[in-house]
C-alpha cells in the first residue's frame, strides 16, 4: 500500500514543479543569475549551460518517476544499475563534449548540459523498456481519473514537493549573500564547496528509497515501533556516511576544490566553507534520510517545519551575521547551524512520536 502510494506520489507531485522551474529559468535566467553575482562572460557561460539543462529538464522527471515505479515494487537493483551505468558514461562524455575530444563537437560548458540530457534520455528509455517488457510487477494501464486518489497522493506529494525546494532555496539565497558581500571569486569558491553538499543527496537517496518502502510497509502492517526503529537505523547510517565525507572535506578542502579551480581566491573561500560547514554534513544526511522515511509514514509536517526552520536560521542568521560582522565565516557558521538544527530537531520529533497519534502508541 505505502510503496504504491509513494510511486504515485513521485509520478504526480513533480511534473508541475519541473515545468514551473523550467519556465522560470528559461524566461528569467539572466535576471536570476545577475542577482546571484553573474556578470559578463560568467553570465553567458551560466546561461549556455542552464538553457540546455532546463530546456530538457522534463527528462529528469521521467527517469526518476519510472525508477520510482520500479522501486515501489521492491526492486532496487534495476534502477540502481541503470543510474550507475549511466554515470559511468556521463563522466567521460561531459569532457568529450566540452572540449571536443575525438569525433565529438566542441560545445564548451553547454556540452556538460547536453551530456546530462543524454544520461536522462538513455535512462528513461531503458527503464521504460523494462516496465513495458512485462518484467516489472507494476505495469501501465489506462484508467479513469479519480479525485480520491489524487487527494491521497497530493496529501503527501504536495508537501514533498515543497520540502524538496528548501535545500535549493537555501543555497541560492546564500549564494546571493556571498555575491553581494564578496564578489564573483567568492561566489565561485562557495559554489564549488557547496557542490559537495549537493553530491550528498544522491548518496543519501540510496538509503532513502528503501526507507520509504520499509517504513511504509511496516506501518501498513501495524508494526509501528519496527518502522520507527528502521527509520532511526537508516538515519544513523546516513549520518555516518555524510559525516565522514564532511570531515574529510574539512580536513583536506584543497583536494576537492582544486579539481575545479586553481584560483587562490576561489580556494580560500571554498576552504573556509568546507572547514566550517563540512563537520555538520552528518546532520544534513540524517535529516534527509528521515525526510524519506517520513514519506513512507505519510507524515511530512515535521520535515516541512524543520526544513523551513533551517532556511530561517541559515539565511536569516547569515544575513544578520554578515550585516554585523561583514565576515563570510559567520555566514558559513549560520549555514552549519541550520544543518545541525534540521537533523537534530527532526530526529527528536520523530523519536518522540511525531508520526503517530496518542491512540497509536
Protein backbone atom coordinates (compact mmCIF):
# COMPACT_ATOMS: atom_id res chain seq x y z
CA UNK A 1 0.00 0.00 0.00
CA UNK A 2 2.59 2.53 1.08
CA UNK A 3 5.20 1.75 -1.61
CA UNK A 4 2.49 2.01 -4.26
CA UNK A 5 1.35 5.33 -2.87
CA UNK A 6 4.93 6.58 -2.94
CA UNK A 7 5.30 5.62 -6.60
CA UNK A 8 2.14 7.54 -7.42
CA UNK A 9 3.34 10.45 -5.32
CA UNK A 10 6.59 10.68 -7.25
CA UNK A 11 4.71 10.48 -10.54
CA UNK A 12 2.17 13.15 -9.71
CA UNK A 13 3.96 15.66 -7.48
CA UNK A 14 6.93 16.52 -9.68
CA UNK A 15 5.70 17.49 -13.20
CA UNK A 16 4.24 20.84 -12.21
CA UNK A 17 7.39 21.60 -10.24
CA UNK A 18 9.65 20.64 -13.16
CA UNK A 19 7.68 22.70 -15.68
CA UNK A 20 7.48 25.67 -13.33
CA UNK A 21 11.22 25.71 -12.74
CA UNK A 22 11.97 25.24 -16.42
CA UNK A 23 9.72 28.11 -17.47
CA UNK A 24 11.08 30.40 -14.75
CA UNK A 25 14.73 29.66 -15.54
CA UNK A 26 14.31 29.87 -19.32
CA UNK A 27 12.37 33.14 -19.04
CA UNK A 28 14.14 34.90 -16.19
CA UNK A 29 17.51 33.12 -16.03
CA UNK A 30 19.61 36.22 -16.85
CA UNK A 31 17.95 38.27 -14.09
CA UNK A 32 18.26 35.47 -11.56
CA UNK A 33 21.94 34.88 -12.30
CA UNK A 34 22.67 38.61 -12.07
CA UNK A 35 21.19 38.62 -8.55
CA UNK A 36 23.46 35.66 -7.75
CA UNK A 37 26.51 37.62 -8.92
CA UNK A 38 26.75 36.68 -12.60
CA UNK A 39 28.21 39.32 -14.91
CA UNK A 40 29.61 39.44 -18.46
CA UNK A 41 31.28 36.24 -19.63
CA UNK A 42 30.36 34.40 -16.42
CA UNK A 43 26.69 35.17 -17.02
CA UNK A 44 26.80 33.98 -20.62
CA UNK A 45 28.57 30.78 -19.60
CA UNK A 46 25.96 30.09 -16.94
CA UNK A 47 23.15 30.64 -19.46
CA UNK A 48 24.74 28.38 -22.07
CA UNK A 49 24.58 25.50 -19.59
CA UNK A 50 21.32 26.47 -17.89
CA UNK A 51 19.27 26.85 -21.07
CA UNK A 52 20.25 23.38 -22.26
CA UNK A 53 19.52 21.67 -18.94
CA UNK A 54 16.22 23.42 -18.21
CA UNK A 55 15.12 23.02 -21.82
CA UNK A 56 15.18 19.25 -21.39
CA UNK A 57 14.58 19.06 -17.64
CA UNK A 58 11.41 17.01 -18.11
CA UNK A 59 13.65 14.03 -18.91
CA UNK A 60 14.91 14.17 -15.33
CA UNK A 61 11.33 13.76 -14.11
CA UNK A 62 10.61 10.90 -16.49
CA UNK A 63 13.70 8.94 -15.46
CA UNK A 64 13.15 9.36 -11.73
CA UNK A 65 9.41 8.71 -11.98
CA UNK A 66 9.97 5.44 -13.82
CA UNK A 67 12.69 4.48 -11.35
CA UNK A 68 10.21 5.14 -8.52
CA UNK A 69 7.62 2.87 -10.14
CA UNK A 70 10.18 0.05 -10.19
CA UNK A 71 11.45 0.74 -6.66
CA UNK A 72 7.86 0.73 -5.40
CA UNK A 73 7.67 -2.98 -6.21
CA UNK A 74 10.70 -3.62 -4.00
CA UNK A 75 13.16 -3.83 -6.91
CA UNK A 76 16.05 -1.53 -6.01
CA UNK A 77 18.61 -3.26 -8.24
CA UNK A 78 17.39 -2.28 -11.71
CA UNK A 79 17.13 1.50 -11.10
CA UNK A 80 20.49 1.44 -9.29
CA UNK A 81 22.18 -0.39 -12.16
CA UNK A 82 20.72 1.94 -14.79
CA UNK A 83 21.76 5.06 -12.91
CA UNK A 84 25.25 3.76 -12.04
CA UNK A 85 25.95 2.64 -15.61
CA UNK A 86 24.64 5.97 -16.85
CA UNK A 87 27.05 7.85 -14.60
CA UNK A 88 29.93 5.73 -15.93
CA UNK A 89 29.03 7.02 -19.41
CA UNK A 90 28.25 10.56 -18.25
CA UNK A 91 31.60 11.23 -16.58
CA UNK A 92 33.77 10.77 -19.73
CA UNK A 93 31.08 12.07 -22.10
CA UNK A 94 30.98 15.50 -20.41
CA UNK A 95 34.62 16.50 -21.12
CA UNK A 96 34.37 14.99 -24.61
CA UNK A 97 31.51 17.36 -25.46
CA UNK A 98 33.03 20.30 -23.58
CA UNK A 99 36.46 20.14 -25.23
CA UNK A 100 35.59 18.38 -28.49
CA UNK A 101 37.57 15.19 -27.98
CA UNK A 102 37.78 12.84 -31.00
CA UNK A 103 34.58 12.80 -33.09
CA UNK A 104 32.62 14.87 -30.56
CA UNK A 105 31.86 18.56 -31.27
CA UNK A 106 33.38 21.23 -29.04
CA UNK A 107 30.36 22.74 -27.25
CA UNK A 108 32.00 24.42 -24.28
CA UNK A 109 30.16 24.41 -20.95
CA UNK A 110 26.92 23.66 -22.82
CA UNK A 111 28.44 20.27 -23.63
CA UNK A 112 28.09 19.27 -19.97
CA UNK A 113 24.40 20.08 -20.20
CA UNK A 114 23.94 18.01 -23.36
CA UNK A 115 25.78 15.09 -21.73
CA UNK A 116 23.42 15.31 -18.76
CA UNK A 117 20.35 15.27 -21.02
CA UNK A 118 21.75 12.25 -22.86
CA UNK A 119 22.08 10.50 -19.50
CA UNK A 120 18.47 11.30 -18.59
CA UNK A 121 17.14 10.29 -22.03
CA UNK A 122 19.03 6.99 -22.07
CA UNK A 123 18.00 6.16 -18.51
CA UNK A 124 14.37 6.96 -19.31
CA UNK A 125 14.44 4.73 -22.39
CA UNK A 126 15.91 1.73 -20.53
CA UNK A 127 13.54 2.00 -17.54
CA UNK A 128 10.52 2.44 -19.81
CA UNK A 129 11.55 -0.62 -21.81
CA UNK A 130 11.89 -2.62 -18.58
CA UNK A 131 8.34 -1.77 -17.48
CA UNK A 132 6.74 -2.26 -20.91
CA UNK A 133 8.51 -5.60 -21.37
CA UNK A 134 6.43 -7.09 -18.56
CA UNK A 135 9.41 -7.76 -16.29
CA UNK A 136 8.20 -5.25 -13.69
CA UNK A 137 5.46 -6.19 -11.22
CA UNK A 138 3.71 -2.83 -11.67
CA UNK A 139 2.55 -2.20 -15.23
CA UNK A 140 0.91 0.64 -17.09
CA UNK A 141 -2.79 0.53 -17.87
CA UNK A 142 -5.40 3.09 -18.82
CA UNK A 143 -7.84 4.02 -16.08
CA UNK A 144 -10.20 6.84 -15.37
CA UNK A 145 -9.07 9.69 -13.15
CA UNK A 146 -10.45 9.58 -9.61
CA UNK A 147 -10.33 12.54 -7.25
CA UNK A 148 -10.00 10.46 -4.02
CA UNK A 149 -6.73 9.02 -5.33
CA UNK A 150 -5.47 12.47 -6.31
CA UNK A 151 -6.38 13.74 -2.84
CA UNK A 152 -4.47 10.94 -1.10
CA UNK A 153 -1.47 11.35 -3.37
CA UNK A 154 -1.30 15.14 -3.07
CA UNK A 155 -1.62 14.94 0.72
CA UNK A 156 1.92 13.57 0.63
CA UNK A 157 3.16 14.73 -2.76
CA UNK A 158 2.40 18.44 -2.44
CA UNK A 159 4.30 18.68 0.85
CA UNK A 160 7.14 16.55 -0.55
CA UNK A 161 7.42 18.93 -3.50
CA UNK A 162 7.65 21.90 -1.11
CA UNK A 163 10.31 20.32 1.08
CA UNK A 164 12.42 19.45 -1.95
CA UNK A 165 12.68 23.18 -2.69
CA UNK A 166 14.17 24.11 0.64
CA UNK A 167 17.76 22.99 0.07
CA UNK A 168 17.85 24.75 -3.29
CA UNK A 169 16.33 27.92 -1.86
CA UNK A 170 18.85 27.95 0.99
CA UNK A 171 21.83 27.54 -1.34
CA UNK A 172 20.51 30.08 -3.86
CA UNK A 173 19.90 32.74 -1.19
CA UNK A 174 23.27 32.04 0.43
CA UNK A 175 24.90 32.47 -2.98
CA UNK A 176 23.22 35.86 -3.32
CA UNK A 177 24.51 36.89 0.11
CA UNK A 178 28.05 35.83 -0.79
CA UNK A 179 27.85 37.69 -4.11
CA UNK A 180 26.70 40.94 -2.51
CA UNK A 181 29.29 40.76 0.22
CA UNK A 182 32.42 39.46 -1.54
CA UNK A 183 32.07 39.30 -5.33
CA UNK A 184 32.45 36.75 -8.12
CA UNK A 185 35.54 34.86 -6.89
CA UNK A 186 33.92 34.24 -3.52
CA UNK A 187 30.76 33.01 -5.26
CA UNK A 188 32.86 30.57 -7.25
CA UNK A 189 34.55 29.35 -4.07
CA UNK A 190 31.29 28.92 -2.19
CA UNK A 191 29.63 27.29 -5.21
CA UNK A 192 32.48 24.80 -5.57
CA UNK A 193 32.38 23.95 -1.88
CA UNK A 194 28.62 23.61 -1.66
CA UNK A 195 28.63 21.33 -4.70
CA UNK A 196 29.86 18.63 -2.33
CA UNK A 197 26.70 19.13 -0.26
CA UNK A 198 24.65 18.56 -3.40
CA UNK A 199 26.51 15.32 -4.02
CA UNK A 200 25.37 14.02 -0.64
CA UNK A 201 21.76 13.99 -1.88
CA UNK A 202 22.08 11.06 -4.32
CA UNK A 203 24.18 9.17 -1.75
CA UNK A 204 21.51 9.53 0.92
CA UNK A 205 18.85 8.79 -1.70
CA UNK A 206 20.37 5.31 -1.94
CA UNK A 207 19.34 4.77 1.69
CA UNK A 208 16.19 6.88 1.47
CA UNK A 209 14.49 4.92 -1.31
CA UNK A 210 14.38 1.62 0.62
CA UNK A 211 13.47 3.52 3.81
CA UNK A 212 10.28 4.73 2.12
CA UNK A 213 9.26 1.20 1.22
CA UNK A 214 10.33 -0.40 4.52
CA UNK A 215 8.74 2.22 6.76
CA UNK A 216 5.52 2.31 4.72
CA UNK A 217 5.21 -1.47 4.63
CA UNK A 218 5.72 -1.84 8.38
CA UNK A 219 3.30 0.94 9.28
CA UNK A 220 0.75 -0.56 6.91
CA UNK A 221 1.21 -3.90 8.72
CA UNK A 222 0.74 -2.25 12.12
CA UNK A 223 4.42 -2.62 13.09
CA UNK A 224 4.88 0.99 14.16
CA UNK A 225 7.81 0.52 16.52
CA UNK A 226 9.64 -1.57 13.94
CA UNK A 227 9.06 1.18 11.36
CA UNK A 228 10.47 3.76 13.77
CA UNK A 229 13.50 1.57 14.50
CA UNK A 230 14.18 1.11 10.77
CA UNK A 231 13.98 4.87 10.22
CA UNK A 232 16.41 5.65 13.04
CA UNK A 233 18.89 2.98 11.95
CA UNK A 234 18.74 4.33 8.38
CA UNK A 235 19.22 7.84 9.74
CA UNK A 236 22.27 6.75 11.73
CA UNK A 237 23.78 5.16 8.62
CA UNK A 238 23.15 8.33 6.58
CA UNK A 239 24.68 10.42 9.37
CA UNK A 240 27.82 8.29 9.43
CA UNK A 241 28.34 8.37 5.66
CA UNK A 242 27.70 12.11 5.35
CA UNK A 243 29.77 12.98 8.40
CA UNK A 244 32.81 11.08 7.15
CA UNK A 245 32.62 12.92 3.82
CA UNK A 246 32.20 16.26 5.59
CA UNK A 247 35.12 15.68 7.95
CA UNK A 248 37.42 14.60 5.13
CA UNK A 249 36.44 17.71 3.15
CA UNK A 250 37.03 19.91 6.21
CA UNK A 251 40.49 18.43 6.81
CA UNK A 252 41.62 18.46 3.18
CA UNK A 253 39.46 21.04 1.35
CA UNK A 254 42.01 21.67 -1.41
CA UNK A 255 41.75 18.07 -2.58
CA UNK A 256 38.16 18.82 -3.63
CA UNK A 257 38.40 22.47 -4.61
CA UNK A 258 41.49 22.14 -6.81
CA UNK A 259 39.56 19.76 -9.07
CA UNK A 260 37.56 22.77 -10.24
CA UNK A 261 39.82 25.82 -9.95
CA UNK A 262 43.45 26.70 -9.09
CA UNK A 263 42.49 30.30 -8.29
CA UNK A 264 43.71 31.20 -4.75
CA UNK A 265 40.63 33.35 -4.02
CA UNK A 266 38.26 30.55 -5.02
CA UNK A 267 40.15 28.01 -2.92
CA UNK A 268 40.30 30.36 0.08
CA UNK A 269 36.53 30.91 0.20
CA UNK A 270 35.72 27.28 -0.58
CA UNK A 271 38.12 26.08 2.12
CA UNK A 272 36.51 28.36 4.71
CA UNK A 273 33.09 26.98 3.80
CA UNK A 274 34.17 23.31 3.99
CA UNK A 275 36.08 23.76 7.26
CA UNK A 276 33.06 25.35 8.95
CA UNK A 277 30.10 23.56 7.34
CA UNK A 278 31.69 20.23 6.41
CA UNK A 279 31.63 18.86 10.01
CA UNK A 280 27.84 19.41 10.08
CA UNK A 281 27.13 17.36 6.94
CA UNK A 282 26.18 14.37 9.07
CA UNK A 283 23.11 16.23 10.32
CA UNK A 284 22.11 17.00 6.73
CA UNK A 285 22.33 13.30 5.85
CA UNK A 286 20.38 12.41 8.98
CA UNK A 287 17.59 14.89 8.28
CA UNK A 288 17.38 13.97 4.61
CA UNK A 289 17.10 10.25 5.35
CA UNK A 290 14.33 10.87 7.89
CA UNK A 291 12.55 13.01 5.30
CA UNK A 292 12.45 9.95 3.04
CA UNK A 293 11.29 7.77 5.92
CA UNK A 294 8.54 10.29 6.66
CA UNK A 295 7.29 9.87 3.10
CA UNK A 296 6.81 6.18 3.85
CA UNK A 297 4.93 7.11 7.01
CA UNK A 298 2.86 9.69 5.06
CA UNK A 299 3.77 12.23 7.77
CA UNK A 300 5.61 15.16 6.22
CA UNK A 301 4.63 18.03 8.52
CA UNK A 302 7.79 17.86 10.64
CA UNK A 303 10.18 17.59 7.68
CA UNK A 304 8.45 20.66 6.22
CA UNK A 305 8.68 22.57 9.52
CA UNK A 306 12.31 21.67 10.19
CA UNK A 307 13.26 22.46 6.58
CA UNK A 308 11.65 25.88 6.94
CA UNK A 309 13.42 26.35 10.27
CA UNK A 310 16.71 25.57 8.54
CA UNK A 311 16.08 28.23 5.89
CA UNK A 312 15.21 30.86 8.52
CA UNK A 313 18.26 30.11 10.68
CA UNK A 314 20.71 29.74 7.80
CA UNK A 315 19.60 32.70 5.69
CA UNK A 316 18.13 34.99 8.35
CA UNK A 317 21.00 34.32 10.72
CA UNK A 318 23.53 34.51 7.90
CA UNK A 319 22.21 37.87 6.71
CA UNK A 320 22.33 39.24 10.25
CA UNK A 321 25.85 37.89 10.77
CA UNK A 322 27.07 39.49 7.53
CA UNK A 323 25.36 42.75 8.43
CA UNK A 324 27.03 42.87 11.85
CA UNK A 325 30.48 41.48 11.02
CA UNK A 326 30.95 41.54 7.24
CA UNK A 327 32.63 38.14 7.54
CA UNK A 328 31.68 35.18 5.35
CA UNK A 329 32.83 32.85 8.11
CA UNK A 330 29.85 33.86 10.22
CA UNK A 331 27.53 33.29 7.27
CA UNK A 332 29.00 29.80 6.91
CA UNK A 333 28.54 29.25 10.66
CA UNK A 334 24.84 30.07 10.27
CA UNK A 335 24.58 27.63 7.37
CA UNK A 336 26.17 24.92 9.52
CA UNK A 337 23.88 25.70 12.46
CA UNK A 338 20.89 25.39 10.13
CA UNK A 339 22.00 21.87 9.14
CA UNK A 340 22.52 20.83 12.77
CA UNK A 341 19.07 22.01 13.79
CA UNK A 342 17.47 20.41 10.72
CA UNK A 343 18.79 16.96 11.58
CA UNK A 344 18.57 17.19 15.38
CA UNK A 345 15.05 18.64 15.63
CA UNK A 346 13.58 16.24 13.05
CA UNK A 347 15.18 13.25 14.78
CA UNK A 348 13.84 14.36 18.16
CA UNK A 349 10.34 14.93 16.80
CA UNK A 350 10.14 11.52 15.10
CA UNK A 351 11.68 9.69 18.07
CA UNK A 352 9.08 11.14 20.44
CA UNK A 353 6.06 10.26 18.33
CA UNK A 354 5.57 12.84 15.56
CA UNK A 355 4.43 10.06 13.19
CA UNK A 356 1.74 8.65 15.48
CA UNK A 357 -1.22 9.99 17.39
CA UNK A 358 -1.62 9.19 21.10
CA UNK A 359 -4.06 6.39 20.31
CA UNK A 360 -1.47 4.74 18.03
CA UNK A 361 1.21 4.47 20.70
